[in-house]
Amino acid sequence: MGVDRAPCTLLPGQVPVGSVGLVEVEDAGERVEDLLGGLGRAALYYPGIEVPPPLVPYGTDRTTDEDHPEVAKAWQQRLLTLEPTEPIAFRRQNFGDYEIPSLHLKEGLEPAGRTGFGLHVRD
């Protein structure tokens, strides 16, 4: 039986952020990956679906008709390579990396230089 796998794709110019409105991607920095990583972990990984790295073609709000084939080709390549793409190696909740019941990452497990969502990915 095959493994369930779900791609995450966001086509930003603007990224919805809760009820506070929209954040321009250029101002969001790593928050786009943090947003998709968190969604993938909570909505897909916990129920048992492997999540490949997200596809984020930036600046789609400024693409022209001439740019669309390039974005479509990137999406096609993602779909064609979905099976061999390594899924994100999320830390497992109840396997020693997190304090229980707070679910804070245990002290000393933070990889040097990693912040945000990257803290929740195994090496």
PDB file of N, CA and C in Angstrom:
ATOM      1  N   MET A   1       0.841  -1.183   0.000  1.00  0.00           N
ATOM      2  CA  MET A   1       0.000   0.000   0.000  1.00  0.00           C
ATOM      3  C   MET A   1       0.884   1.243   0.000  1.00  0.00           C
ATOM      4  N   GLY A   2       0.542   2.253  -0.780  1.00  0.00           N
ATOM      5  CA  GLY A   2       1.326   3.476  -0.886  1.00  0.00           C
ATOM      6  C   GLY A   2       1.178   4.366   0.337  1.00  0.00           C
ATOM      7  N   VAL A   3       2.069   5.296   0.437  1.00  0.00           N
ATOM      8  CA  VAL A   3       2.058   6.258   1.537  1.00  0.00           C
ATOM      9  C   VAL A   3       1.228   7.455   1.120  1.00  0.00           C
ATOM     10  N   ASP A   4       0.385   7.936   2.027  1.00  0.00           N
ATOM     11  CA  ASP A   4      -0.352   9.158   1.749  1.00  0.00           C
ATOM     12  C   ASP A   4       0.608  10.326   1.785  1.00  0.00           C
ATOM     13  N   ARG A   5       0.525  11.179   0.783  1.00  0.00           N
ATOM     14  CA  ARG A   5       1.419  12.326   0.710  1.00  0.00           C
ATOM     15  C   ARG A   5       0.617  13.501   0.182  1.00  0.00           C
ATOM     16  N   ALA A   6       0.834  14.677   0.773  1.00  0.00           N
ATOM     17  CA  ALA A   6       0.070  15.850   0.370  1.00  0.00           C
ATOM     18  C   ALA A   6       0.994  17.043   0.167  1.00  0.00           C
ATOM     19  N   PRO A   7       1.001  17.644  -1.027  1.00  0.00           N
ATOM     20  CA  PRO A   7       1.823  18.831  -1.242  1.00  0.00           C
ATOM     21  C   PRO A   7       1.152  20.068  -0.669  1.00  0.00           C
ATOM     22  N   CYS A   8       1.967  20.988  -0.168  1.00  0.00           N
ATOM     23  CA  CYS A   8       1.476  22.294   0.282  1.00  0.00           C
ATOM     24  C   CYS A   8       1.993  23.327  -0.700  1.00  0.00           C
ATOM     25  N   THR A   9       1.115  24.134  -1.226  1.00  0.00           N
ATOM     26  CA  THR A   9       1.509  25.185  -2.152  1.00  0.00           C
ATOM     27  C   THR A   9       0.824  26.471  -1.747  1.00  0.00           C
ATOM     28  N   LEU A  10       1.580  27.562  -1.837  1.00  0.00           N
ATOM     29  CA  LEU A  10       1.036  28.881  -1.564  1.00  0.00           C
ATOM     30  C   LEU A  10       1.487  29.762  -2.706  1.00  0.00           C
ATOM     31  N   LEU A  11       0.578  30.525  -3.260  1.00  0.00           N
ATOM     32  CA  LEU A  11       0.918  31.425  -4.351  1.00  0.00           C
ATOM     33  C   LEU A  11       0.838  32.848  -3.825  1.00  0.00           C
ATOM     34  N   PRO A  12       1.911  33.300  -3.134  1.00  0.00           N
ATOM     35  CA  PRO A  12       1.824  34.611  -2.501  1.00  0.00           C
ATOM     36  C   PRO A  12       2.148  35.738  -3.424  1.00  0.00           C
ATOM     37  N   GLY A  13       1.740  36.796  -3.216  1.00  0.00           N
ATOM     38  CA  GLY A  13       1.878  38.184  -3.231  1.00  0.00           C
ATOM     39  C   GLY A  13       1.505  38.593  -1.845  1.00  0.00           C
ATOM     40  N   GLN A  14       0.417  38.076  -1.352  1.00  0.00           N
ATOM     41  CA  GLN A  14       0.005  38.382   0.006  1.00  0.00           C
ATOM     42  C   GLN A  14      -0.335  37.080   0.705  1.00  0.00           C
ATOM     43  N   VAL A  15      -0.003  37.022   1.989  1.00  0.00           N
ATOM     44  CA  VAL A  15      -0.201  35.819   2.772  1.00  0.00           C
ATOM     45  C   VAL A  15      -1.258  36.091   3.832  1.00  0.00           C
ATOM     46  N   PRO A  16      -2.360  35.327   3.867  1.00  0.00           N
ATOM     47  CA  PRO A  16      -3.344  35.541   4.915  1.00  0.00           C
ATOM     48  C   PRO A  16      -2.759  35.148   6.269  1.00  0.00           C
ATOM     49  N   VAL A  17      -2.935  35.990   7.260  1.00  0.00           N
ATOM     50  CA  VAL A  17      -2.432  35.709   8.598  1.00  0.00           C
ATOM     51  C   VAL A  17      -3.581  35.899   9.575  1.00  0.00           C
ATOM     52  N   GLY A  18      -4.238  34.802   9.924  1.00  0.00           N
ATOM     53  CA  GLY A  18      -5.334  34.830  10.885  1.00  0.00           C
ATOM     54  C   GLY A  18      -6.355  35.889  10.565  1.00  0.00           C
ATOM     55  N   SER A  19      -6.831  36.550  11.590  1.00  0.00           N
ATOM     56  CA  SER A  19      -7.872  37.556  11.404  1.00  0.00           C
ATOM     57  C   SER A  19      -7.292  38.962  11.319  1.00  0.00           C
ATOM     58  N   VAL A  20      -5.950  39.086  11.306  1.00  0.00           N
ATOM     59  CA  VAL A  20      -5.362  40.421  11.312  1.00  0.00           C
ATOM     60  C   VAL A  20      -5.169  40.988   9.917  1.00  0.00           C
ATOM     61  N   GLY A  21      -5.526  40.266   8.897  1.00  0.00           N
ATOM     62  CA  GLY A  21      -5.428  40.804   7.555  1.00  0.00           C
ATOM     63  C   GLY A  21      -4.383  40.096   6.731  1.00  0.00           C
ATOM     64  N   LEU A  22      -3.660  40.854   5.908  1.00  0.00           N
ATOM     65  CA  LEU A  22      -2.693  40.277   4.981  1.00  0.00           C
ATOM     66  C   LEU A  22      -1.309  40.842   5.253  1.00  0.00           C
ATOM     67  N   VAL A  23      -0.295  40.034   5.018  1.00  0.00           N
ATOM     68  CA  VAL A  23       1.088  40.449   5.191  1.00  0.00           C
ATOM     69  C   VAL A  23       1.778  40.320   3.854  1.00  0.00           C
ATOM     70  N   GLU A  24       2.453  41.353   3.419  1.00  0.00           N
ATOM     71  CA  GLU A  24       3.192  41.269   2.170  1.00  0.00           C
ATOM     72  C   GLU A  24       4.317  40.252   2.336  1.00  0.00           C
ATOM     73  N   VAL A  25       4.511  39.397   1.344  1.00  0.00           N
ATOM     74  CA  VAL A  25       5.527  38.352   1.429  1.00  0.00           C
ATOM     75  C   VAL A  25       6.913  38.948   1.627  1.00  0.00           C
ATOM     76  N   GLU A  26       7.202  40.038   0.955  1.00  0.00           N
ATOM     77  CA  GLU A  26       8.526  40.627   1.086  1.00  0.00           C
ATOM     78  C   GLU A  26       8.806  41.006   2.534  1.00  0.00           C
ATOM     79  N   ASP A  27       7.765  41.326   3.307  1.00  0.00           N
ATOM     80  CA  ASP A  27       7.919  41.679   4.712  1.00  0.00           C
ATOM     81  C   ASP A  27       7.830  40.465   5.615  1.00  0.00           C
ATOM     82  N   ALA A  28       7.374  39.338   5.085  1.00  0.00           N
ATOM     83  CA  ALA A  28       7.122  38.173   5.919  1.00  0.00           C
ATOM     84  C   ALA A  28       8.367  37.340   6.179  1.00  0.00           C
ATOM     85  N   GLY A  29       9.379  37.422   5.330  1.00  0.00           N
ATOM     86  CA  GLY A  29      10.602  36.658   5.524  1.00  0.00           C
ATOM     87  C   GLY A  29      10.328  35.181   5.657  1.00  0.00           C
ATOM     88  N   GLU A  30      10.841  34.578   6.703  1.00  0.00           N
ATOM     89  CA  GLU A  30      10.669  33.144   6.909  1.00  0.00           C
ATOM     90  C   GLU A  30       9.262  32.782   7.377  1.00  0.00           C
ATOM     91  N   ARG A  31       8.420  33.740   7.643  1.00  0.00           N
ATOM     92  CA  ARG A  31       7.098  33.419   8.171  1.00  0.00           C
ATOM     93  C   ARG A  31       6.256  32.609   7.198  1.00  0.00           C
ATOM     94  N   VAL A  32       6.489  32.721   5.895  1.00  0.00           N
ATOM     95  CA  VAL A  32       5.728  31.924   4.932  1.00  0.00           C
ATOM     96  C   VAL A  32       6.031  30.445   5.153  1.00  0.00           C
ATOM     97  N   GLU A  33       7.319  30.106   5.257  1.00  0.00           N
ATOM     98  CA  GLU A  33       7.689  28.718   5.502  1.00  0.00           C
ATOM     99  C   GLU A  33       7.195  28.263   6.878  1.00  0.00           C
ATOM    100  N   ASP A  34       7.265  29.167   7.862  1.00  0.00           N
ATOM    101  CA  ASP A  34       6.746  28.831   9.192  1.00  0.00           C
ATOM    102  C   ASP A  34       5.247  28.563   9.138  1.00  0.00           C
ATOM    103  N   LEU A  35       4.532  29.389   8.390  1.00  0.00           N
ATOM    104  CA  LEU A  35       3.082  29.226   8.264  1.00  0.00           C
ATOM    105  C   LEU A  35       2.743  27.893   7.598  1.00  0.00           C
ATOM    106  N   LEU A  36       3.384  27.608   6.475  1.00  0.00           N
ATOM    107  CA  LEU A  36       3.110  26.355   5.774  1.00  0.00           C
ATOM    108  C   LEU A  36       3.594  25.151   6.566  1.00  0.00           C
ATOM    109  N   GLY A  37       4.741  25.291   7.222  1.00  0.00           N
ATOM    110  CA  GLY A  37       5.242  24.192   8.037  1.00  0.00           C
ATOM    111  C   GLY A  37       4.297  23.846   9.165  1.00  0.00           C
ATOM    112  N   GLY A  38       3.801  24.873   9.836  1.00  0.00           N
ATOM    113  CA  GLY A  38       2.849  24.647  10.922  1.00  0.00           C
ATOM    114  C   GLY A  38       1.549  24.041  10.438  1.00  0.00           C
ATOM    115  N   LEU A  39       1.063  24.524   9.314  1.00  0.00           N
ATOM    116  CA  LEU A  39      -0.170  23.960   8.756  1.00  0.00           C
ATOM    117  C   LEU A  39       0.037  22.508   8.331  1.00  0.00           C
ATOM    118  N   GLY A  40       1.161  22.247   7.683  1.00  0.00           N
ATOM    119  CA  GLY A  40       1.447  20.876   7.252  1.00  0.00           C
ATOM    120  C   GLY A  40       1.568  19.927   8.428  1.00  0.00           C
ATOM    121  N   ARG A  41       2.213  20.400   9.481  1.00  0.00           N
ATOM    122  CA  ARG A  41       2.400  19.548  10.664  1.00  0.00           C
ATOM    123  C   ARG A  41       1.069  19.281  11.355  1.00  0.00           C
ATOM    124  N   ALA A  42       0.299  20.332  11.583  1.00  0.00           N
ATOM    125  CA  ALA A  42      -0.952  20.189  12.329  1.00  0.00           C
ATOM    126  C   ALA A  42      -2.049  19.521  11.507  1.00  0.00           C
ATOM    127  N   ALA A  43      -2.193  19.916  10.260  1.00  0.00           N
ATOM    128  CA  ALA A  43      -3.328  19.440   9.467  1.00  0.00           C
ATOM    129  C   ALA A  43      -3.042  18.151   8.702  1.00  0.00           C
ATOM    130  N   LEU A  44      -1.774  17.875   8.420  1.00  0.00           N
ATOM    131  CA  LEU A  44      -1.466  16.715   7.587  1.00  0.00           C
ATOM    132  C   LEU A  44      -0.630  15.659   8.312  1.00  0.00           C
ATOM    133  N   TYR A  45       0.463  16.079   8.961  1.00  0.00           N
ATOM    134  CA  TYR A  45       1.368  15.108   9.582  1.00  0.00           C
ATOM    135  C   TYR A  45       0.727  14.383  10.761  1.00  0.00           C
ATOM    136  N   TYR A  46       0.086  15.099  11.653  1.00  0.00           N
ATOM    137  CA  TYR A  46      -0.515  14.443  12.823  1.00  0.00           C
ATOM    138  C   TYR A  46      -1.530  13.373  12.437  1.00  0.00           C
ATOM    139  N   PRO A  47      -2.359  13.598  11.418  1.00  0.00           N
ATOM    140  CA  PRO A  47      -3.282  12.521  11.021  1.00  0.00           C
ATOM    141  C   PRO A  47      -2.615  11.392  10.230  1.00  0.00           C
ATOM    142  N   GLY A  48      -1.307  11.505   9.933  1.00  0.00           N
ATOM    143  CA  GLY A  48      -0.615  10.402   9.292  1.00  0.00           C
ATOM    144  C   GLY A  48      -0.192  10.603   7.856  1.00  0.00           C
ATOM    145  N   ILE A  49      -0.220  11.811   7.363  1.00  0.00           N
ATOM    146  CA  ILE A  49       0.165  12.077   5.977  1.00  0.00           C
ATOM    147  C   ILE A  49       1.573  12.650   5.944  1.00  0.00           C
ATOM    148  N   GLU A  50       2.428  12.117   5.084  1.00  0.00           N
ATOM    149  CA  GLU A  50       3.767  12.667   4.912  1.00  0.00           C
ATOM    150  C   GLU A  50       3.670  13.983   4.138  1.00  0.00           C
ATOM    151  N   VAL A  51       4.482  14.957   4.550  1.00  0.00           N
ATOM    152  CA  VAL A  51       4.403  16.296   3.962  1.00  0.00           C
ATOM    153  C   VAL A  51       5.745  16.648   3.318  1.00  0.00           C
ATOM    154  N   PRO A  52       5.792  16.780   1.981  1.00  0.00           N
ATOM    155  CA  PRO A  52       7.030  17.218   1.338  1.00  0.00           C
ATOM    156  C   PRO A  52       7.239  18.713   1.571  1.00  0.00           C
ATOM    157  N   PRO A  53       8.442  19.216   1.335  1.00  0.00           N
ATOM    158  CA  PRO A  53       8.673  20.659   1.488  1.00  0.00           C
ATOM    159  C   PRO A  53       7.691  21.450   0.620  1.00  0.00           C
ATOM    160  N   PRO A  54       7.251  22.603   1.116  1.00  0.00           N
ATOM    161  CA  PRO A  54       6.263  23.377   0.357  1.00  0.00           C
ATOM    162  C   PRO A  54       6.856  23.991  -0.910  1.00  0.00           C
ATOM    163  N   LEU A  55       5.986  24.204  -1.862  1.00  0.00           N
ATOM    164  CA  LEU A  55       6.337  24.930  -3.079  1.00  0.00           C
ATOM    165  C   LEU A  55       5.787  26.342  -2.916  1.00  0.00           C
ATOM    166  N   VAL A  56       6.666  27.337  -2.949  1.00  0.00           N
ATOM    167  CA  VAL A  56       6.235  28.721  -2.753  1.00  0.00           C
ATOM    168  C   VAL A  56       6.800  29.573  -3.886  1.00  0.00           C
ATOM    169  N   PRO A  57       6.072  29.701  -4.995  1.00  0.00           N
ATOM    170  CA  PRO A  57       6.524  30.604  -6.055  1.00  0.00           C
ATOM    171  C   PRO A  57       6.177  32.048  -5.671  1.00  0.00           C
ATOM    172  N   TYR A  58       7.178  32.786  -5.258  1.00  0.00           N
ATOM    173  CA  TYR A  58       6.965  34.153  -4.772  1.00  0.00           C
ATOM    174  C   TYR A  58       6.587  35.108  -5.894  1.00  0.00           C
ATOM    175  N   GLY A  59       5.859  36.163  -5.532  1.00  0.00           N
ATOM    176  CA  GLY A  59       5.549  37.238  -6.453  1.00  0.00           C
ATOM    177  C   GLY A  59       4.487  36.921  -7.475  1.00  0.00           C
ATOM    178  N   THR A  60       3.651  35.934  -7.213  1.00  0.00           N
ATOM    179  CA  THR A  60       2.654  35.565  -8.219  1.00  0.00           C
ATOM    180  C   THR A  60       1.618  36.655  -8.447  1.00  0.00           C
ATOM    181  N   ASP A  61       1.514  37.584  -7.509  1.00  0.00           N
ATOM    182  CA  ASP A  61       0.577  38.690  -7.724  1.00  0.00           C
ATOM    183  C   ASP A  61       1.090  39.662  -8.783  1.00  0.00           C
ATOM    184  N   ARG A  62       2.356  39.509  -9.165  1.00  0.00           N
ATOM    185  CA  ARG A  62       2.942  40.393 -10.175  1.00  0.00           C
ATOM    186  C   ARG A  62       3.298  39.650 -11.460  1.00  0.00           C
ATOM    187  N   THR A  63       2.847  38.410 -11.597  1.00  0.00           N
ATOM    188  CA  THR A  63       3.185  37.666 -12.810  1.00  0.00           C
ATOM    189  C   THR A  63       2.361  38.166 -13.986  1.00  0.00           C
ATOM    190  N   THR A  64       2.939  38.000 -15.132  1.00  0.00           N
ATOM    191  CA  THR A  64       2.252  38.369 -16.370  1.00  0.00           C
ATOM    192  C   THR A  64       1.816  37.087 -17.069  1.00  0.00           C
ATOM    193  N   ASP A  65       1.059  37.229 -18.128  1.00  0.00           N
ATOM    194  CA  ASP A  65       0.647  36.055 -18.907  1.00  0.00           C
ATOM    195  C   ASP A  65       1.862  35.270 -19.398  1.00  0.00           C
ATOM    196  N   GLU A  66       2.960  35.970 -19.680  1.00  0.00           N
ATOM    197  CA  GLU A  66       4.180  35.301 -20.145  1.00  0.00           C
ATOM    198  C   GLU A  66       4.830  34.495 -19.022  1.00  0.00           C
ATOM    199  N   ASP A  67       4.604  34.878 -17.752  1.00  0.00           N
ATOM    200  CA  ASP A  67       5.206  34.184 -16.608  1.00  0.00           C
ATOM    201  C   ASP A  67       4.460  32.909 -16.224  1.00  0.00           C
ATOM    202  N   HIS A  68       3.191  32.820 -16.539  1.00  0.00           N
ATOM    203  CA  HIS A  68       2.364  31.692 -16.094  1.00  0.00           C
ATOM    204  C   HIS A  68       2.908  30.319 -16.496  1.00  0.00           C
ATOM    205  N   PRO A  69       3.439  30.149 -17.718  1.00  0.00           N
ATOM    206  CA  PRO A  69       3.974  28.825 -18.060  1.00  0.00           C
ATOM    207  C   PRO A  69       5.120  28.389 -17.137  1.00  0.00           C
ATOM    208  N   GLU A  70       5.941  29.331 -16.690  1.00  0.00           N
ATOM    209  CA  GLU A  70       7.046  28.985 -15.793  1.00  0.00           C
ATOM    210  C   GLU A  70       6.516  28.515 -14.429  1.00  0.00           C
ATOM    211  N   VAL A  71       5.514  29.198 -13.905  1.00  0.00           N
ATOM    212  CA  VAL A  71       4.908  28.790 -12.631  1.00  0.00           C
ATOM    213  C   VAL A  71       4.218  27.439 -12.792  1.00  0.00           C
ATOM    214  N   ALA A  72       3.513  27.249 -13.900  1.00  0.00           N
ATOM    215  CA  ALA A  72       2.834  25.977 -14.158  1.00  0.00           C
ATOM    216  C   ALA A  72       3.845  24.841 -14.295  1.00  0.00           C
ATOM    217  N   LYS A  73       4.989  25.105 -14.909  1.00  0.00           N
ATOM    218  CA  LYS A  73       6.023  24.080 -15.057  1.00  0.00           C
ATOM    219  C   LYS A  73       6.597  23.699 -13.690  1.00  0.00           C
ATOM    220  N   ALA A  74       6.794  24.682 -12.813  1.00  0.00           N
ATOM    221  CA  ALA A  74       7.291  24.387 -11.463  1.00  0.00           C
ATOM    222  C   ALA A  74       6.291  23.510 -10.716  1.00  0.00           C
ATOM    223  N   TRP A  75       5.012  23.813 -10.843  1.00  0.00           N
ATOM    224  CA  TRP A  75       3.969  23.001 -10.193  1.00  0.00           C
ATOM    225  C   TRP A  75       3.938  21.592 -10.797  1.00  0.00           C
ATOM    226  N   GLN A  76       4.048  21.491 -12.121  1.00  0.00           N
ATOM    227  CA  GLN A  76       4.063  20.185 -12.781  1.00  0.00           C
ATOM    228  C   GLN A  76       5.254  19.363 -12.294  1.00  0.00           C
ATOM    229  N   GLN A  77       6.431  19.981 -12.200  1.00  0.00           N
ATOM    230  CA  GLN A  77       7.617  19.275 -11.714  1.00  0.00           C
ATOM    231  C   GLN A  77       7.419  18.798 -10.281  1.00  0.00           C
ATOM    232  N   ARG A  78       6.773  19.623  -9.458  1.00  0.00           N
ATOM    233  CA  ARG A  78       6.502  19.221  -8.077  1.00  0.00           C
ATOM    234  C   ARG A  78       5.637  17.968  -8.058  1.00  0.00           C
ATOM    235  N   LEU A  79       4.597  17.949  -8.869  1.00  0.00           N
ATOM    236  CA  LEU A  79       3.699  16.795  -8.885  1.00  0.00           C
ATOM    237  C   LEU A  79       4.387  15.551  -9.441  1.00  0.00           C
ATOM    238  N   LEU A  80       5.218  15.739 -10.468  1.00  0.00           N
ATOM    239  CA  LEU A  80       5.909  14.591 -11.063  1.00  0.00           C
ATOM    240  C   LEU A  80       6.984  14.011 -10.147  1.00  0.00           C
ATOM    241  N   THR A  81       7.521  14.822  -9.255  1.00  0.00           N
ATOM    242  CA  THR A  81       8.586  14.359  -8.350  1.00  0.00           C
ATOM    243  C   THR A  81       8.094  14.190  -6.920  1.00  0.00           C
ATOM    244  N   LEU A  82       6.800  14.195  -6.722  1.00  0.00           N
ATOM    245  CA  LEU A  82       6.241  14.119  -5.373  1.00  0.00           C
ATOM    246  C   LEU A  82       6.624  12.823  -4.667  1.00  0.00           C
ATOM    247  N   GLU A  83       6.521  11.702  -5.357  1.00  0.00           N
ATOM    248  CA  GLU A  83       6.799  10.412  -4.717  1.00  0.00           C
ATOM    249  C   GLU A  83       8.245  10.284  -4.235  1.00  0.00           C
ATOM    250  N   PRO A  84       9.252  10.626  -5.052  1.00  0.00           N
ATOM    251  CA  PRO A  84      10.623  10.462  -4.554  1.00  0.00           C
ATOM    252  C   PRO A  84      11.103  11.591  -3.635  1.00  0.00           C
ATOM    253  N   THR A  85      10.345  12.677  -3.524  1.00  0.00           N
ATOM    254  CA  THR A  85      10.763  13.785  -2.665  1.00  0.00           C
ATOM    255  C   THR A  85      10.676  13.372  -1.203  1.00  0.00           C
ATOM    256  N   GLU A  86      11.761  13.584  -0.468  1.00  0.00           N
ATOM    257  CA  GLU A  86      11.786  13.249   0.955  1.00  0.00           C
ATOM    258  C   GLU A  86      10.811  14.153   1.706  1.00  0.00           C
ATOM    259  N   PRO A  87       9.965  13.559   2.548  1.00  0.00           N
ATOM    260  CA  PRO A  87       9.050  14.390   3.339  1.00  0.00           C
ATOM    261  C   PRO A  87       9.800  15.148   4.426  1.00  0.00           C
ATOM    262  N   ILE A  88       9.170  16.178   4.942  1.00  0.00           N
ATOM    263  CA  ILE A  88       9.741  16.929   6.059  1.00  0.00           C
ATOM    264  C   ILE A  88       9.852  15.977   7.248  1.00  0.00           C
ATOM    265  N   ALA A  89      11.001  15.984   7.896  1.00  0.00           N
ATOM    266  CA  ALA A  89      11.249  15.089   9.039  1.00  0.00           C
ATOM    267  C   ALA A  89      10.790  15.770  10.335  1.00  0.00           C
ATOM    268  N   PHE A  90       9.485  15.817  10.527  1.00  0.00           N
ATOM    269  CA  PHE A  90       8.945  16.446  11.729  1.00  0.00           C
ATOM    270  C   PHE A  90       9.381  15.680  12.975  1.00  0.00           C
ATOM    271  N   ARG A  91       9.591  16.406  14.067  1.00  0.00           N
ATOM    272  CA  ARG A  91       9.803  15.760  15.360  1.00  0.00           C
ATOM    273  C   ARG A  91       8.483  15.119  15.770  1.00  0.00           C
ATOM    274  N   ARG A  92       8.573  13.964  16.424  1.00  0.00           N
ATOM    275  CA  ARG A  92       7.358  13.273  16.866  1.00  0.00           C
ATOM    276  C   ARG A  92       7.002  13.738  18.266  1.00  0.00           C
ATOM    277  N   GLN A  93       5.734  13.993  18.469  1.00  0.00           N
ATOM    278  CA  GLN A  93       5.265  14.637  19.692  1.00  0.00           C
ATOM    279  C   GLN A  93       5.580  13.849  20.960  1.00  0.00           C
ATOM    280  N   ASN A  94       5.346  12.587  21.007  1.00  0.00           N
ATOM    281  CA  ASN A  94       5.453  11.807  22.246  1.00  0.00           C
ATOM    282  C   ASN A  94       6.666  10.886  22.261  1.00  0.00           C
ATOM    283  N   PHE A  95       7.770  11.304  21.647  1.00  0.00           N
ATOM    284  CA  PHE A  95       8.945  10.446  21.561  1.00  0.00           C
ATOM    285  C   PHE A  95      10.189  11.098  22.164  1.00  0.00           C
ATOM    286  N   GLY A  96      10.002  11.989  23.154  1.00  0.00           N
ATOM    287  CA  GLY A  96      11.109  12.501  23.933  1.00  0.00           C
ATOM    288  C   GLY A  96      11.652  13.874  23.587  1.00  0.00           C
ATOM    289  N   ASP A  97      11.209  14.491  22.505  1.00  0.00           N
ATOM    290  CA  ASP A  97      11.732  15.806  22.146  1.00  0.00           C
ATOM    291  C   ASP A  97      11.003  16.955  22.841  1.00  0.00           C
ATOM    292  N   TYR A  98       9.811  16.694  23.337  1.00  0.00           N
ATOM    293  CA  TYR A  98       8.988  17.753  23.921  1.00  0.00           C
ATOM    294  C   TYR A  98       8.674  17.471  25.381  1.00  0.00           C
ATOM    295  N   GLU A  99       8.577  18.566  26.155  1.00  0.00           N
ATOM    296  CA  GLU A  99       8.115  18.459  27.535  1.00  0.00           C
ATOM    297  C   GLU A  99       6.623  18.126  27.500  1.00  0.00           C
ATOM    298  N   ILE A 100       6.203  17.235  28.373  1.00  0.00           N
ATOM    299  CA  ILE A 100       4.791  16.875  28.464  1.00  0.00           C
ATOM    300  C   ILE A 100       4.282  17.392  29.807  1.00  0.00           C
ATOM    301  N   PRO A 101       3.207  18.081  29.923  1.00  0.00           N
ATOM    302  CA  PRO A 101       2.161  18.293  28.922  1.00  0.00           C
ATOM    303  C   PRO A 101       2.286  19.602  28.148  1.00  0.00           C
ATOM    304  N   SER A 102       3.308  20.444  28.420  1.00  0.00           N
ATOM    305  CA  SER A 102       3.377  21.771  27.786  1.00  0.00           C
ATOM    306  C   SER A 102       3.680  21.702  26.291  1.00  0.00           C
ATOM    307  N   LEU A 103       4.328  20.623  25.829  1.00  0.00           N
ATOM    308  CA  LEU A 103       4.737  20.430  24.438  1.00  0.00           C
ATOM    309  C   LEU A 103       5.771  21.459  23.971  1.00  0.00           C
ATOM    310  N   HIS A 104       6.522  22.028  24.924  1.00  0.00           N
ATOM    311  CA  HIS A 104       7.653  22.875  24.565  1.00  0.00           C
ATOM    312  C   HIS A 104       8.825  21.975  24.196  1.00  0.00           C
ATOM    313  N   LEU A 105       9.587  22.380  23.202  1.00  0.00           N
ATOM    314  CA  LEU A 105      10.767  21.621  22.815  1.00  0.00           C
ATOM    315  C   LEU A 105      11.725  21.590  24.002  1.00  0.00           C
ATOM    316  N   LYS A 106      12.252  20.416  24.309  1.00  0.00           N
ATOM    317  CA  LYS A 106      13.144  20.284  25.457  1.00  0.00           C
ATOM    318  C   LYS A 106      14.412  21.116  25.251  1.00  0.00           C
ATOM    319  N   GLU A 107      14.864  21.720  26.342  1.00  0.00           N
ATOM    320  CA  GLU A 107      16.063  22.550  26.314  1.00  0.00           C
ATOM    321  C   GLU A 107      17.252  21.730  25.815  1.00  0.00           C
ATOM    322  N   GLY A 108      18.050  22.358  24.967  1.00  0.00           N
ATOM    323  CA  GLY A 108      19.228  21.701  24.419  1.00  0.00           C
ATOM    324  C   GLY A 108      18.992  21.019  23.091  1.00  0.00           C
ATOM    325  N   LEU A 109      17.746  20.917  22.653  1.00  0.00           N
ATOM    326  CA  LEU A 109      17.455  20.276  21.368  1.00  0.00           C
ATOM    327  C   LEU A 109      17.337  21.279  20.216  1.00  0.00           C
ATOM    328  N   GLU A 110      17.503  22.561  20.511  1.00  0.00           N
ATOM    329  CA  GLU A 110      17.399  23.578  19.469  1.00  0.00           C
ATOM    330  C   GLU A 110      18.666  23.553  18.619  1.00  0.00           C
ATOM    331  N   PRO A 111      18.552  23.205  17.339  1.00  0.00           N
ATOM    332  CA  PRO A 111      19.735  23.231  16.483  1.00  0.00           C
ATOM    333  C   PRO A 111      20.275  24.660  16.360  1.00  0.00           C
ATOM    334  N   ALA A 112      21.585  24.811  16.378  1.00  0.00           N
ATOM    335  CA  ALA A 112      22.213  26.129  16.292  1.00  0.00           C
ATOM    336  C   ALA A 112      21.754  26.862  15.041  1.00  0.00           C
ATOM    337  N   GLY A 113      21.333  28.088  15.225  1.00  0.00           N
ATOM    338  CA  GLY A 113      20.940  28.935  14.106  1.00  0.00           C
ATOM    339  C   GLY A 113      19.545  28.700  13.570  1.00  0.00           C
ATOM    340  N   ARG A 114      18.827  27.750  14.106  1.00  0.00           N
ATOM    341  CA  ARG A 114      17.472  27.472  13.635  1.00  0.00           C
ATOM    342  C   ARG A 114      16.457  28.193  14.503  1.00  0.00           C
ATOM    343  N   THR A 115      15.437  28.726  13.866  1.00  0.00           N
ATOM    344  CA  THR A 115      14.369  29.415  14.588  1.00  0.00           C
ATOM    345  C   THR A 115      13.030  29.006  13.997  1.00  0.00           C
ATOM    346  N   GLY A 116      11.958  29.478  14.611  1.00  0.00           N
ATOM    347  CA  GLY A 116      10.620  29.263  14.069  1.00  0.00           C
ATOM    348  C   GLY A 116      10.317  27.799  13.831  1.00  0.00           C
ATOM    349  N   PHE A 117       9.683  27.534  12.719  1.00  0.00           N
ATOM    350  CA  PHE A 117       9.264  26.185  12.376  1.00  0.00           C
ATOM    351  C   PHE A 117      10.442  25.217  12.301  1.00  0.00           C
ATOM    352  N   GLY A 118      11.603  25.691  11.896  1.00  0.00           N
ATOM    353  CA  GLY A 118      12.773  24.839  11.775  1.00  0.00           C
ATOM    354  C   GLY A 118      13.150  24.119  13.059  1.00  0.00           C
ATOM    355  N   LEU A 119      12.725  24.633  14.195  1.00  0.00           N
ATOM    356  CA  LEU A 119      12.990  23.967  15.471  1.00  0.00           C
ATOM    357  C   LEU A 119      12.270  22.629  15.577  1.00  0.00           C
ATOM    358  N   HIS A 120      11.205  22.456  14.837  1.00  0.00           N
ATOM    359  CA  HIS A 120      10.363  21.271  14.947  1.00  0.00           C
ATOM    360  C   HIS A 120      10.671  20.227  13.878  1.00  0.00           C
ATOM    361  N   VAL A 121      11.808  20.368  13.218  1.00  0.00           N
ATOM    362  CA  VAL A 121      12.227  19.426  12.197  1.00  0.00           C
ATOM    363  C   VAL A 121      13.483  18.712  12.707  1.00  0.00           C
ATOM    364  N   ARG A 122      13.461  17.367  12.624  1.00  0.00           N
ATOM    365  CA  ARG A 122      14.625  16.571  13.038  1.00  0.00           C
ATOM    366  C   ARG A 122      15.757  16.739  12.036  1.00  0.00           C
ATOM    367  N   ASP A 123      16.971  16.568  12.523  1.00  0.00           N
ATOM    368  CA  ASP A 123      18.138  16.586  11.628  1.00  0.00           C
ATOM    369  C   ASP A 123      18.256  15.284  10.888  1.00  0.00           C
TER     370      ASP A 123
END
